[in-house]
Amino acid sequence: NMVRNGRSLSEAFEMSGAIPPALMS
């Protein structure tokens, strides 16, 4: 939903906590 509303993929993953921080970079 965040990506749909204009967030970047990395931002959306980081804000939602969907994936571990180690993969965010």
PDBML (XML) file of the C-alpha atoms, coordinates in Angstrom:
<?xml version="1.0" encoding="UTF-8" ?>
<PDBx:datablock datablockName="MODEL"
   xmlns:PDBx="http://pdbml.pdb.org/schema/pdbx-v50.xsd"
   xmlns:xsi="http://www.w3.org/2001/XMLSchema-instance"
   xsi:schemaLocation="http://pdbml.pdb.org/schema/pdbx-v50.xsd pdbx-v50.xsd">
   <PDBx:atom_siteCategory>
      <PDBx:atom_site id="1">
         <PDBx:B_iso_or_equiv>0.00</PDBx:B_iso_or_equiv>
         <PDBx:Cartn_x>0.000</PDBx:Cartn_x>
         <PDBx:Cartn_y>0.000</PDBx:Cartn_y>
         <PDBx:Cartn_z>0.000</PDBx:Cartn_z>
         <PDBx:auth_asym_id>A</PDBx:auth_asym_id>
         <PDBx:auth_atom_id>CA</PDBx:auth_atom_id>
         <PDBx:auth_comp_id>ASN</PDBx:auth_comp_id>
         <PDBx:auth_seq_id>1</PDBx:auth_seq_id>
         <PDBx:group_PDB>ATOM</PDBx:group_PDB>
         <PDBx:label_alt_id xsi:nil="true" />
         <PDBx:label_asym_id>A</PDBx:label_asym_id>
         <PDBx:label_atom_id>CA</PDBx:label_atom_id>
         <PDBx:label_comp_id>ASN</PDBx:label_comp_id>
         <PDBx:label_entity_id>1</PDBx:label_entity_id>
         <PDBx:label_seq_id>1</PDBx:label_seq_id>
         <PDBx:occupancy>1.00</PDBx:occupancy>
         <PDBx:pdbx_PDB_model_num>1</PDBx:pdbx_PDB_model_num>
         <PDBx:type_symbol>C</PDBx:type_symbol>
      </PDBx:atom_site>
      <PDBx:atom_site id="2">
         <PDBx:B_iso_or_equiv>0.00</PDBx:B_iso_or_equiv>
         <PDBx:Cartn_x>2.874</PDBx:Cartn_x>
         <PDBx:Cartn_y>2.388</PDBx:Cartn_y>
         <PDBx:Cartn_z>0.736</PDBx:Cartn_z>
         <PDBx:auth_asym_id>A</PDBx:auth_asym_id>
         <PDBx:auth_atom_id>CA</PDBx:auth_atom_id>
         <PDBx:auth_comp_id>MET</PDBx:auth_comp_id>
         <PDBx:auth_seq_id>2</PDBx:auth_seq_id>
         <PDBx:group_PDB>ATOM</PDBx:group_PDB>
         <PDBx:label_alt_id xsi:nil="true" />
         <PDBx:label_asym_id>A</PDBx:label_asym_id>
         <PDBx:label_atom_id>CA</PDBx:label_atom_id>
         <PDBx:label_comp_id>MET</PDBx:label_comp_id>
         <PDBx:label_entity_id>1</PDBx:label_entity_id>
         <PDBx:label_seq_id>2</PDBx:label_seq_id>
         <PDBx:occupancy>1.00</PDBx:occupancy>
         <PDBx:pdbx_PDB_model_num>1</PDBx:pdbx_PDB_model_num>
         <PDBx:type_symbol>C</PDBx:type_symbol>
      </PDBx:atom_site>
      <PDBx:atom_site id="3">
         <PDBx:B_iso_or_equiv>0.00</PDBx:B_iso_or_equiv>
         <PDBx:Cartn_x>4.404</PDBx:Cartn_x>
         <PDBx:Cartn_y>1.731</PDBx:Cartn_y>
         <PDBx:Cartn_z>-2.696</PDBx:Cartn_z>
         <PDBx:auth_asym_id>A</PDBx:auth_asym_id>
         <PDBx:auth_atom_id>CA</PDBx:auth_atom_id>
         <PDBx:auth_comp_id>VAL</PDBx:auth_comp_id>
         <PDBx:auth_seq_id>3</PDBx:auth_seq_id>
         <PDBx:group_PDB>ATOM</PDBx:group_PDB>
         <PDBx:label_alt_id xsi:nil="true" />
         <PDBx:label_asym_id>A</PDBx:label_asym_id>
         <PDBx:label_atom_id>CA</PDBx:label_atom_id>
         <PDBx:label_comp_id>VAL</PDBx:label_comp_id>
         <PDBx:label_entity_id>1</PDBx:label_entity_id>
         <PDBx:label_seq_id>3</PDBx:label_seq_id>
         <PDBx:occupancy>1.00</PDBx:occupancy>
         <PDBx:pdbx_PDB_model_num>1</PDBx:pdbx_PDB_model_num>
         <PDBx:type_symbol>C</PDBx:type_symbol>
      </PDBx:atom_site>
      <PDBx:atom_site id="4">
         <PDBx:B_iso_or_equiv>0.00</PDBx:B_iso_or_equiv>
         <PDBx:Cartn_x>0.990</PDBx:Cartn_x>
         <PDBx:Cartn_y>2.246</PDBx:Cartn_y>
         <PDBx:Cartn_z>-4.272</PDBx:Cartn_z>
         <PDBx:auth_asym_id>A</PDBx:auth_asym_id>
         <PDBx:auth_atom_id>CA</PDBx:auth_atom_id>
         <PDBx:auth_comp_id>ARG</PDBx:auth_comp_id>
         <PDBx:auth_seq_id>4</PDBx:auth_seq_id>
         <PDBx:group_PDB>ATOM</PDBx:group_PDB>
         <PDBx:label_alt_id xsi:nil="true" />
         <PDBx:label_asym_id>A</PDBx:label_asym_id>
         <PDBx:label_atom_id>CA</PDBx:label_atom_id>
         <PDBx:label_comp_id>ARG</PDBx:label_comp_id>
         <PDBx:label_entity_id>1</PDBx:label_entity_id>
         <PDBx:label_seq_id>4</PDBx:label_seq_id>
         <PDBx:occupancy>1.00</PDBx:occupancy>
         <PDBx:pdbx_PDB_model_num>1</PDBx:pdbx_PDB_model_num>
         <PDBx:type_symbol>C</PDBx:type_symbol>
      </PDBx:atom_site>
      <PDBx:atom_site id="5">
         <PDBx:B_iso_or_equiv>0.00</PDBx:B_iso_or_equiv>
         <PDBx:Cartn_x>0.754</PDBx:Cartn_x>
         <PDBx:Cartn_y>5.600</PDBx:Cartn_y>
         <PDBx:Cartn_z>-2.499</PDBx:Cartn_z>
         <PDBx:auth_asym_id>A</PDBx:auth_asym_id>
         <PDBx:auth_atom_id>CA</PDBx:auth_atom_id>
         <PDBx:auth_comp_id>ASN</PDBx:auth_comp_id>
         <PDBx:auth_seq_id>5</PDBx:auth_seq_id>
         <PDBx:group_PDB>ATOM</PDBx:group_PDB>
         <PDBx:label_alt_id xsi:nil="true" />
         <PDBx:label_asym_id>A</PDBx:label_asym_id>
         <PDBx:label_atom_id>CA</PDBx:label_atom_id>
         <PDBx:label_comp_id>ASN</PDBx:label_comp_id>
         <PDBx:label_entity_id>1</PDBx:label_entity_id>
         <PDBx:label_seq_id>5</PDBx:label_seq_id>
         <PDBx:occupancy>1.00</PDBx:occupancy>
         <PDBx:pdbx_PDB_model_num>1</PDBx:pdbx_PDB_model_num>
         <PDBx:type_symbol>C</PDBx:type_symbol>
      </PDBx:atom_site>
      <PDBx:atom_site id="6">
         <PDBx:B_iso_or_equiv>0.00</PDBx:B_iso_or_equiv>
         <PDBx:Cartn_x>4.105</PDBx:Cartn_x>
         <PDBx:Cartn_y>6.796</PDBx:Cartn_y>
         <PDBx:Cartn_z>-3.809</PDBx:Cartn_z>
         <PDBx:auth_asym_id>A</PDBx:auth_asym_id>
         <PDBx:auth_atom_id>CA</PDBx:auth_atom_id>
         <PDBx:auth_comp_id>GLY</PDBx:auth_comp_id>
         <PDBx:auth_seq_id>6</PDBx:auth_seq_id>
         <PDBx:group_PDB>ATOM</PDBx:group_PDB>
         <PDBx:label_alt_id xsi:nil="true" />
         <PDBx:label_asym_id>A</PDBx:label_asym_id>
         <PDBx:label_atom_id>CA</PDBx:label_atom_id>
         <PDBx:label_comp_id>GLY</PDBx:label_comp_id>
         <PDBx:label_entity_id>1</PDBx:label_entity_id>
         <PDBx:label_seq_id>6</PDBx:label_seq_id>
         <PDBx:occupancy>1.00</PDBx:occupancy>
         <PDBx:pdbx_PDB_model_num>1</PDBx:pdbx_PDB_model_num>
         <PDBx:type_symbol>C</PDBx:type_symbol>
      </PDBx:atom_site>
      <PDBx:atom_site id="7">
         <PDBx:B_iso_or_equiv>0.00</PDBx:B_iso_or_equiv>
         <PDBx:Cartn_x>6.749</PDBx:Cartn_x>
         <PDBx:Cartn_y>5.474</PDBx:Cartn_y>
         <PDBx:Cartn_z>-1.410</PDBx:Cartn_z>
         <PDBx:auth_asym_id>A</PDBx:auth_asym_id>
         <PDBx:auth_atom_id>CA</PDBx:auth_atom_id>
         <PDBx:auth_comp_id>ARG</PDBx:auth_comp_id>
         <PDBx:auth_seq_id>7</PDBx:auth_seq_id>
         <PDBx:group_PDB>ATOM</PDBx:group_PDB>
         <PDBx:label_alt_id xsi:nil="true" />
         <PDBx:label_asym_id>A</PDBx:label_asym_id>
         <PDBx:label_atom_id>CA</PDBx:label_atom_id>
         <PDBx:label_comp_id>ARG</PDBx:label_comp_id>
         <PDBx:label_entity_id>1</PDBx:label_entity_id>
         <PDBx:label_seq_id>7</PDBx:label_seq_id>
         <PDBx:occupancy>1.00</PDBx:occupancy>
         <PDBx:pdbx_PDB_model_num>1</PDBx:pdbx_PDB_model_num>
         <PDBx:type_symbol>C</PDBx:type_symbol>
      </PDBx:atom_site>
      <PDBx:atom_site id="8">
         <PDBx:B_iso_or_equiv>0.00</PDBx:B_iso_or_equiv>
         <PDBx:Cartn_x>9.879</PDBx:Cartn_x>
         <PDBx:Cartn_y>3.847</PDBx:Cartn_y>
         <PDBx:Cartn_z>-2.764</PDBx:Cartn_z>
         <PDBx:auth_asym_id>A</PDBx:auth_asym_id>
         <PDBx:auth_atom_id>CA</PDBx:auth_atom_id>
         <PDBx:auth_comp_id>SER</PDBx:auth_comp_id>
         <PDBx:auth_seq_id>8</PDBx:auth_seq_id>
         <PDBx:group_PDB>ATOM</PDBx:group_PDB>
         <PDBx:label_alt_id xsi:nil="true" />
         <PDBx:label_asym_id>A</PDBx:label_asym_id>
         <PDBx:label_atom_id>CA</PDBx:label_atom_id>
         <PDBx:label_comp_id>SER</PDBx:label_comp_id>
         <PDBx:label_entity_id>1</PDBx:label_entity_id>
         <PDBx:label_seq_id>8</PDBx:label_seq_id>
         <PDBx:occupancy>1.00</PDBx:occupancy>
         <PDBx:pdbx_PDB_model_num>1</PDBx:pdbx_PDB_model_num>
         <PDBx:type_symbol>C</PDBx:type_symbol>
      </PDBx:atom_site>
      <PDBx:atom_site id="9">
         <PDBx:B_iso_or_equiv>0.00</PDBx:B_iso_or_equiv>
         <PDBx:Cartn_x>10.184</PDBx:Cartn_x>
         <PDBx:Cartn_y>0.098</PDBx:Cartn_y>
         <PDBx:Cartn_z>-2.297</PDBx:Cartn_z>
         <PDBx:auth_asym_id>A</PDBx:auth_asym_id>
         <PDBx:auth_atom_id>CA</PDBx:auth_atom_id>
         <PDBx:auth_comp_id>LEU</PDBx:auth_comp_id>
         <PDBx:auth_seq_id>9</PDBx:auth_seq_id>
         <PDBx:group_PDB>ATOM</PDBx:group_PDB>
         <PDBx:label_alt_id xsi:nil="true" />
         <PDBx:label_asym_id>A</PDBx:label_asym_id>
         <PDBx:label_atom_id>CA</PDBx:label_atom_id>
         <PDBx:label_comp_id>LEU</PDBx:label_comp_id>
         <PDBx:label_entity_id>1</PDBx:label_entity_id>
         <PDBx:label_seq_id>9</PDBx:label_seq_id>
         <PDBx:occupancy>1.00</PDBx:occupancy>
         <PDBx:pdbx_PDB_model_num>1</PDBx:pdbx_PDB_model_num>
         <PDBx:type_symbol>C</PDBx:type_symbol>
      </PDBx:atom_site>
      <PDBx:atom_site id="10">
         <PDBx:B_iso_or_equiv>0.00</PDBx:B_iso_or_equiv>
         <PDBx:Cartn_x>13.026</PDBx:Cartn_x>
         <PDBx:Cartn_y>0.388</PDBx:Cartn_y>
         <PDBx:Cartn_z>0.220</PDBx:Cartn_z>
         <PDBx:auth_asym_id>A</PDBx:auth_asym_id>
         <PDBx:auth_atom_id>CA</PDBx:auth_atom_id>
         <PDBx:auth_comp_id>SER</PDBx:auth_comp_id>
         <PDBx:auth_seq_id>10</PDBx:auth_seq_id>
         <PDBx:group_PDB>ATOM</PDBx:group_PDB>
         <PDBx:label_alt_id xsi:nil="true" />
         <PDBx:label_asym_id>A</PDBx:label_asym_id>
         <PDBx:label_atom_id>CA</PDBx:label_atom_id>
         <PDBx:label_comp_id>SER</PDBx:label_comp_id>
         <PDBx:label_entity_id>1</PDBx:label_entity_id>
         <PDBx:label_seq_id>10</PDBx:label_seq_id>
         <PDBx:occupancy>1.00</PDBx:occupancy>
         <PDBx:pdbx_PDB_model_num>1</PDBx:pdbx_PDB_model_num>
         <PDBx:type_symbol>C</PDBx:type_symbol>
      </PDBx:atom_site>
      <PDBx:atom_site id="11">
         <PDBx:B_iso_or_equiv>0.00</PDBx:B_iso_or_equiv>
         <PDBx:Cartn_x>11.146</PDBx:Cartn_x>
         <PDBx:Cartn_y>3.024</PDBx:Cartn_y>
         <PDBx:Cartn_z>2.218</PDBx:Cartn_z>
         <PDBx:auth_asym_id>A</PDBx:auth_asym_id>
         <PDBx:auth_atom_id>CA</PDBx:auth_atom_id>
         <PDBx:auth_comp_id>GLU</PDBx:auth_comp_id>
         <PDBx:auth_seq_id>11</PDBx:auth_seq_id>
         <PDBx:group_PDB>ATOM</PDBx:group_PDB>
         <PDBx:label_alt_id xsi:nil="true" />
         <PDBx:label_asym_id>A</PDBx:label_asym_id>
         <PDBx:label_atom_id>CA</PDBx:label_atom_id>
         <PDBx:label_comp_id>GLU</PDBx:label_comp_id>
         <PDBx:label_entity_id>1</PDBx:label_entity_id>
         <PDBx:label_seq_id>11</PDBx:label_seq_id>
         <PDBx:occupancy>1.00</PDBx:occupancy>
         <PDBx:pdbx_PDB_model_num>1</PDBx:pdbx_PDB_model_num>
         <PDBx:type_symbol>C</PDBx:type_symbol>
      </PDBx:atom_site>
      <PDBx:atom_site id="12">
         <PDBx:B_iso_or_equiv>0.00</PDBx:B_iso_or_equiv>
         <PDBx:Cartn_x>7.999</PDBx:Cartn_x>
         <PDBx:Cartn_y>0.896</PDBx:Cartn_y>
         <PDBx:Cartn_z>2.275</PDBx:Cartn_z>
         <PDBx:auth_asym_id>A</PDBx:auth_asym_id>
         <PDBx:auth_atom_id>CA</PDBx:auth_atom_id>
         <PDBx:auth_comp_id>ALA</PDBx:auth_comp_id>
         <PDBx:auth_seq_id>12</PDBx:auth_seq_id>
         <PDBx:group_PDB>ATOM</PDBx:group_PDB>
         <PDBx:label_alt_id xsi:nil="true" />
         <PDBx:label_asym_id>A</PDBx:label_asym_id>
         <PDBx:label_atom_id>CA</PDBx:label_atom_id>
         <PDBx:label_comp_id>ALA</PDBx:label_comp_id>
         <PDBx:label_entity_id>1</PDBx:label_entity_id>
         <PDBx:label_seq_id>12</PDBx:label_seq_id>
         <PDBx:occupancy>1.00</PDBx:occupancy>
         <PDBx:pdbx_PDB_model_num>1</PDBx:pdbx_PDB_model_num>
         <PDBx:type_symbol>C</PDBx:type_symbol>
      </PDBx:atom_site>
      <PDBx:atom_site id="13">
         <PDBx:B_iso_or_equiv>0.00</PDBx:B_iso_or_equiv>
         <PDBx:Cartn_x>9.877</PDBx:Cartn_x>
         <PDBx:Cartn_y>-2.196</PDBx:Cartn_y>
         <PDBx:Cartn_z>3.438</PDBx:Cartn_z>
         <PDBx:auth_asym_id>A</PDBx:auth_asym_id>
         <PDBx:auth_atom_id>CA</PDBx:auth_atom_id>
         <PDBx:auth_comp_id>PHE</PDBx:auth_comp_id>
         <PDBx:auth_seq_id>13</PDBx:auth_seq_id>
         <PDBx:group_PDB>ATOM</PDBx:group_PDB>
         <PDBx:label_alt_id xsi:nil="true" />
         <PDBx:label_asym_id>A</PDBx:label_asym_id>
         <PDBx:label_atom_id>CA</PDBx:label_atom_id>
         <PDBx:label_comp_id>PHE</PDBx:label_comp_id>
         <PDBx:label_entity_id>1</PDBx:label_entity_id>
         <PDBx:label_seq_id>13</PDBx:label_seq_id>
         <PDBx:occupancy>1.00</PDBx:occupancy>
         <PDBx:pdbx_PDB_model_num>1</PDBx:pdbx_PDB_model_num>
         <PDBx:type_symbol>C</PDBx:type_symbol>
      </PDBx:atom_site>
      <PDBx:atom_site id="14">
         <PDBx:B_iso_or_equiv>0.00</PDBx:B_iso_or_equiv>
         <PDBx:Cartn_x>11.692</PDBx:Cartn_x>
         <PDBx:Cartn_y>-0.228</PDBx:Cartn_y>
         <PDBx:Cartn_z>6.119</PDBx:Cartn_z>
         <PDBx:auth_asym_id>A</PDBx:auth_asym_id>
         <PDBx:auth_atom_id>CA</PDBx:auth_atom_id>
         <PDBx:auth_comp_id>GLU</PDBx:auth_comp_id>
         <PDBx:auth_seq_id>14</PDBx:auth_seq_id>
         <PDBx:group_PDB>ATOM</PDBx:group_PDB>
         <PDBx:label_alt_id xsi:nil="true" />
         <PDBx:label_asym_id>A</PDBx:label_asym_id>
         <PDBx:label_atom_id>CA</PDBx:label_atom_id>
         <PDBx:label_comp_id>GLU</PDBx:label_comp_id>
         <PDBx:label_entity_id>1</PDBx:label_entity_id>
         <PDBx:label_seq_id>14</PDBx:label_seq_id>
         <PDBx:occupancy>1.00</PDBx:occupancy>
         <PDBx:pdbx_PDB_model_num>1</PDBx:pdbx_PDB_model_num>
         <PDBx:type_symbol>C</PDBx:type_symbol>
      </PDBx:atom_site>
      <PDBx:atom_site id="15">
         <PDBx:B_iso_or_equiv>0.00</PDBx:B_iso_or_equiv>
         <PDBx:Cartn_x>8.586</PDBx:Cartn_x>
         <PDBx:Cartn_y>1.543</PDBx:Cartn_y>
         <PDBx:Cartn_z>7.469</PDBx:Cartn_z>
         <PDBx:auth_asym_id>A</PDBx:auth_asym_id>
         <PDBx:auth_atom_id>CA</PDBx:auth_atom_id>
         <PDBx:auth_comp_id>MET</PDBx:auth_comp_id>
         <PDBx:auth_seq_id>15</PDBx:auth_seq_id>
         <PDBx:group_PDB>ATOM</PDBx:group_PDB>
         <PDBx:label_alt_id xsi:nil="true" />
         <PDBx:label_asym_id>A</PDBx:label_asym_id>
         <PDBx:label_atom_id>CA</PDBx:label_atom_id>
         <PDBx:label_comp_id>MET</PDBx:label_comp_id>
         <PDBx:label_entity_id>1</PDBx:label_entity_id>
         <PDBx:label_seq_id>15</PDBx:label_seq_id>
         <PDBx:occupancy>1.00</PDBx:occupancy>
         <PDBx:pdbx_PDB_model_num>1</PDBx:pdbx_PDB_model_num>
         <PDBx:type_symbol>C</PDBx:type_symbol>
      </PDBx:atom_site>
      <PDBx:atom_site id="16">
         <PDBx:B_iso_or_equiv>0.00</PDBx:B_iso_or_equiv>
         <PDBx:Cartn_x>6.468</PDBx:Cartn_x>
         <PDBx:Cartn_y>-1.630</PDBx:Cartn_y>
         <PDBx:Cartn_z>7.499</PDBx:Cartn_z>
         <PDBx:auth_asym_id>A</PDBx:auth_asym_id>
         <PDBx:auth_atom_id>CA</PDBx:auth_atom_id>
         <PDBx:auth_comp_id>SER</PDBx:auth_comp_id>
         <PDBx:auth_seq_id>16</PDBx:auth_seq_id>
         <PDBx:group_PDB>ATOM</PDBx:group_PDB>
         <PDBx:label_alt_id xsi:nil="true" />
         <PDBx:label_asym_id>A</PDBx:label_asym_id>
         <PDBx:label_atom_id>CA</PDBx:label_atom_id>
         <PDBx:label_comp_id>SER</PDBx:label_comp_id>
         <PDBx:label_entity_id>1</PDBx:label_entity_id>
         <PDBx:label_seq_id>16</PDBx:label_seq_id>
         <PDBx:occupancy>1.00</PDBx:occupancy>
         <PDBx:pdbx_PDB_model_num>1</PDBx:pdbx_PDB_model_num>
         <PDBx:type_symbol>C</PDBx:type_symbol>
      </PDBx:atom_site>
      <PDBx:atom_site id="17">
         <PDBx:B_iso_or_equiv>0.00</PDBx:B_iso_or_equiv>
         <PDBx:Cartn_x>9.181</PDBx:Cartn_x>
         <PDBx:Cartn_y>-3.860</PDBx:Cartn_y>
         <PDBx:Cartn_z>8.966</PDBx:Cartn_z>
         <PDBx:auth_asym_id>A</PDBx:auth_asym_id>
         <PDBx:auth_atom_id>CA</PDBx:auth_atom_id>
         <PDBx:auth_comp_id>GLY</PDBx:auth_comp_id>
         <PDBx:auth_seq_id>17</PDBx:auth_seq_id>
         <PDBx:group_PDB>ATOM</PDBx:group_PDB>
         <PDBx:label_alt_id xsi:nil="true" />
         <PDBx:label_asym_id>A</PDBx:label_asym_id>
         <PDBx:label_atom_id>CA</PDBx:label_atom_id>
         <PDBx:label_comp_id>GLY</PDBx:label_comp_id>
         <PDBx:label_entity_id>1</PDBx:label_entity_id>
         <PDBx:label_seq_id>17</PDBx:label_seq_id>
         <PDBx:occupancy>1.00</PDBx:occupancy>
         <PDBx:pdbx_PDB_model_num>1</PDBx:pdbx_PDB_model_num>
         <PDBx:type_symbol>C</PDBx:type_symbol>
      </PDBx:atom_site>
      <PDBx:atom_site id="18">
         <PDBx:B_iso_or_equiv>0.00</PDBx:B_iso_or_equiv>
         <PDBx:Cartn_x>8.390</PDBx:Cartn_x>
         <PDBx:Cartn_y>-6.436</PDBx:Cartn_y>
         <PDBx:Cartn_z>6.296</PDBx:Cartn_z>
         <PDBx:auth_asym_id>A</PDBx:auth_asym_id>
         <PDBx:auth_atom_id>CA</PDBx:auth_atom_id>
         <PDBx:auth_comp_id>ALA</PDBx:auth_comp_id>
         <PDBx:auth_seq_id>18</PDBx:auth_seq_id>
         <PDBx:group_PDB>ATOM</PDBx:group_PDB>
         <PDBx:label_alt_id xsi:nil="true" />
         <PDBx:label_asym_id>A</PDBx:label_asym_id>
         <PDBx:label_atom_id>CA</PDBx:label_atom_id>
         <PDBx:label_comp_id>ALA</PDBx:label_comp_id>
         <PDBx:label_entity_id>1</PDBx:label_entity_id>
         <PDBx:label_seq_id>18</PDBx:label_seq_id>
         <PDBx:occupancy>1.00</PDBx:occupancy>
         <PDBx:pdbx_PDB_model_num>1</PDBx:pdbx_PDB_model_num>
         <PDBx:type_symbol>C</PDBx:type_symbol>
      </PDBx:atom_site>
      <PDBx:atom_site id="19">
         <PDBx:B_iso_or_equiv>0.00</PDBx:B_iso_or_equiv>
         <PDBx:Cartn_x>11.983</PDBx:Cartn_x>
         <PDBx:Cartn_y>-7.549</PDBx:Cartn_y>
         <PDBx:Cartn_z>5.787</PDBx:Cartn_z>
         <PDBx:auth_asym_id>A</PDBx:auth_asym_id>
         <PDBx:auth_atom_id>CA</PDBx:auth_atom_id>
         <PDBx:auth_comp_id>ILE</PDBx:auth_comp_id>
         <PDBx:auth_seq_id>19</PDBx:auth_seq_id>
         <PDBx:group_PDB>ATOM</PDBx:group_PDB>
         <PDBx:label_alt_id xsi:nil="true" />
         <PDBx:label_asym_id>A</PDBx:label_asym_id>
         <PDBx:label_atom_id>CA</PDBx:label_atom_id>
         <PDBx:label_comp_id>ILE</PDBx:label_comp_id>
         <PDBx:label_entity_id>1</PDBx:label_entity_id>
         <PDBx:label_seq_id>19</PDBx:label_seq_id>
         <PDBx:occupancy>1.00</PDBx:occupancy>
         <PDBx:pdbx_PDB_model_num>1</PDBx:pdbx_PDB_model_num>
         <PDBx:type_symbol>C</PDBx:type_symbol>
      </PDBx:atom_site>
      <PDBx:atom_site id="20">
         <PDBx:B_iso_or_equiv>0.00</PDBx:B_iso_or_equiv>
         <PDBx:Cartn_x>15.025</PDBx:Cartn_x>
         <PDBx:Cartn_y>-7.612</PDBx:Cartn_y>
         <PDBx:Cartn_z>8.114</PDBx:Cartn_z>
         <PDBx:auth_asym_id>A</PDBx:auth_asym_id>
         <PDBx:auth_atom_id>CA</PDBx:auth_atom_id>
         <PDBx:auth_comp_id>PRO</PDBx:auth_comp_id>
         <PDBx:auth_seq_id>20</PDBx:auth_seq_id>
         <PDBx:group_PDB>ATOM</PDBx:group_PDB>
         <PDBx:label_alt_id xsi:nil="true" />
         <PDBx:label_asym_id>A</PDBx:label_asym_id>
         <PDBx:label_atom_id>CA</PDBx:label_atom_id>
         <PDBx:label_comp_id>PRO</PDBx:label_comp_id>
         <PDBx:label_entity_id>1</PDBx:label_entity_id>
         <PDBx:label_seq_id>20</PDBx:label_seq_id>
         <PDBx:occupancy>1.00</PDBx:occupancy>
         <PDBx:pdbx_PDB_model_num>1</PDBx:pdbx_PDB_model_num>
         <PDBx:type_symbol>C</PDBx:type_symbol>
      </PDBx:atom_site>
      <PDBx:atom_site id="21">
         <PDBx:B_iso_or_equiv>0.00</PDBx:B_iso_or_equiv>
         <PDBx:Cartn_x>17.213</PDBx:Cartn_x>
         <PDBx:Cartn_y>-4.480</PDBx:Cartn_y>
         <PDBx:Cartn_z>8.209</PDBx:Cartn_z>
         <PDBx:auth_asym_id>A</PDBx:auth_asym_id>
         <PDBx:auth_atom_id>CA</PDBx:auth_atom_id>
         <PDBx:auth_comp_id>PRO</PDBx:auth_comp_id>
         <PDBx:auth_seq_id>21</PDBx:auth_seq_id>
         <PDBx:group_PDB>ATOM</PDBx:group_PDB>
         <PDBx:label_alt_id xsi:nil="true" />
         <PDBx:label_asym_id>A</PDBx:label_asym_id>
         <PDBx:label_atom_id>CA</PDBx:label_atom_id>
         <PDBx:label_comp_id>PRO</PDBx:label_comp_id>
         <PDBx:label_entity_id>1</PDBx:label_entity_id>
         <PDBx:label_seq_id>21</PDBx:label_seq_id>
         <PDBx:occupancy>1.00</PDBx:occupancy>
         <PDBx:pdbx_PDB_model_num>1</PDBx:pdbx_PDB_model_num>
         <PDBx:type_symbol>C</PDBx:type_symbol>
      </PDBx:atom_site>
      <PDBx:atom_site id="22">
         <PDBx:B_iso_or_equiv>0.00</PDBx:B_iso_or_equiv>
         <PDBx:Cartn_x>20.156</PDBx:Cartn_x>
         <PDBx:Cartn_y>-6.489</PDBx:Cartn_y>
         <PDBx:Cartn_z>6.850</PDBx:Cartn_z>
         <PDBx:auth_asym_id>A</PDBx:auth_asym_id>
         <PDBx:auth_atom_id>CA</PDBx:auth_atom_id>
         <PDBx:auth_comp_id>ALA</PDBx:auth_comp_id>
         <PDBx:auth_seq_id>22</PDBx:auth_seq_id>
         <PDBx:group_PDB>ATOM</PDBx:group_PDB>
         <PDBx:label_alt_id xsi:nil="true" />
         <PDBx:label_asym_id>A</PDBx:label_asym_id>
         <PDBx:label_atom_id>CA</PDBx:label_atom_id>
         <PDBx:label_comp_id>ALA</PDBx:label_comp_id>
         <PDBx:label_entity_id>1</PDBx:label_entity_id>
         <PDBx:label_seq_id>22</PDBx:label_seq_id>
         <PDBx:occupancy>1.00</PDBx:occupancy>
         <PDBx:pdbx_PDB_model_num>1</PDBx:pdbx_PDB_model_num>
         <PDBx:type_symbol>C</PDBx:type_symbol>
      </PDBx:atom_site>
      <PDBx:atom_site id="23">
         <PDBx:B_iso_or_equiv>0.00</PDBx:B_iso_or_equiv>
         <PDBx:Cartn_x>18.395</PDBx:Cartn_x>
         <PDBx:Cartn_y>-6.735</PDBx:Cartn_y>
         <PDBx:Cartn_z>3.480</PDBx:Cartn_z>
         <PDBx:auth_asym_id>A</PDBx:auth_asym_id>
         <PDBx:auth_atom_id>CA</PDBx:auth_atom_id>
         <PDBx:auth_comp_id>LEU</PDBx:auth_comp_id>
         <PDBx:auth_seq_id>23</PDBx:auth_seq_id>
         <PDBx:group_PDB>ATOM</PDBx:group_PDB>
         <PDBx:label_alt_id xsi:nil="true" />
         <PDBx:label_asym_id>A</PDBx:label_asym_id>
         <PDBx:label_atom_id>CA</PDBx:label_atom_id>
         <PDBx:label_comp_id>LEU</PDBx:label_comp_id>
         <PDBx:label_entity_id>1</PDBx:label_entity_id>
         <PDBx:label_seq_id>23</PDBx:label_seq_id>
         <PDBx:occupancy>1.00</PDBx:occupancy>
         <PDBx:pdbx_PDB_model_num>1</PDBx:pdbx_PDB_model_num>
         <PDBx:type_symbol>C</PDBx:type_symbol>
      </PDBx:atom_site>
      <PDBx:atom_site id="24">
         <PDBx:B_iso_or_equiv>0.00</PDBx:B_iso_or_equiv>
         <PDBx:Cartn_x>17.304</PDBx:Cartn_x>
         <PDBx:Cartn_y>-3.108</PDBx:Cartn_y>
         <PDBx:Cartn_z>3.311</PDBx:Cartn_z>
         <PDBx:auth_asym_id>A</PDBx:auth_asym_id>
         <PDBx:auth_atom_id>CA</PDBx:auth_atom_id>
         <PDBx:auth_comp_id>MET</PDBx:auth_comp_id>
         <PDBx:auth_seq_id>24</PDBx:auth_seq_id>
         <PDBx:group_PDB>ATOM</PDBx:group_PDB>
         <PDBx:label_alt_id xsi:nil="true" />
         <PDBx:label_asym_id>A</PDBx:label_asym_id>
         <PDBx:label_atom_id>CA</PDBx:label_atom_id>
         <PDBx:label_comp_id>MET</PDBx:label_comp_id>
         <PDBx:label_entity_id>1</PDBx:label_entity_id>
         <PDBx:label_seq_id>24</PDBx:label_seq_id>
         <PDBx:occupancy>1.00</PDBx:occupancy>
         <PDBx:pdbx_PDB_model_num>1</PDBx:pdbx_PDB_model_num>
         <PDBx:type_symbol>C</PDBx:type_symbol>
      </PDBx:atom_site>
      <PDBx:atom_site id="25">
         <PDBx:B_iso_or_equiv>0.00</PDBx:B_iso_or_equiv>
         <PDBx:Cartn_x>20.649</PDBx:Cartn_x>
         <PDBx:Cartn_y>-1.861</PDBx:Cartn_y>
         <PDBx:Cartn_z>1.984</PDBx:Cartn_z>
         <PDBx:auth_asym_id>A</PDBx:auth_asym_id>
         <PDBx:auth_atom_id>CA</PDBx:auth_atom_id>
         <PDBx:auth_comp_id>SER</PDBx:auth_comp_id>
         <PDBx:auth_seq_id>25</PDBx:auth_seq_id>
         <PDBx:group_PDB>ATOM</PDBx:group_PDB>
         <PDBx:label_alt_id xsi:nil="true" />
         <PDBx:label_asym_id>A</PDBx:label_asym_id>
         <PDBx:label_atom_id>CA</PDBx:label_atom_id>
         <PDBx:label_comp_id>SER</PDBx:label_comp_id>
         <PDBx:label_entity_id>1</PDBx:label_entity_id>
         <PDBx:label_seq_id>25</PDBx:label_seq_id>
         <PDBx:occupancy>1.00</PDBx:occupancy>
         <PDBx:pdbx_PDB_model_num>1</PDBx:pdbx_PDB_model_num>
         <PDBx:type_symbol>C</PDBx:type_symbol>
      </PDBx:atom_site>
   </PDBx:atom_siteCategory>
</PDBx:datablock>
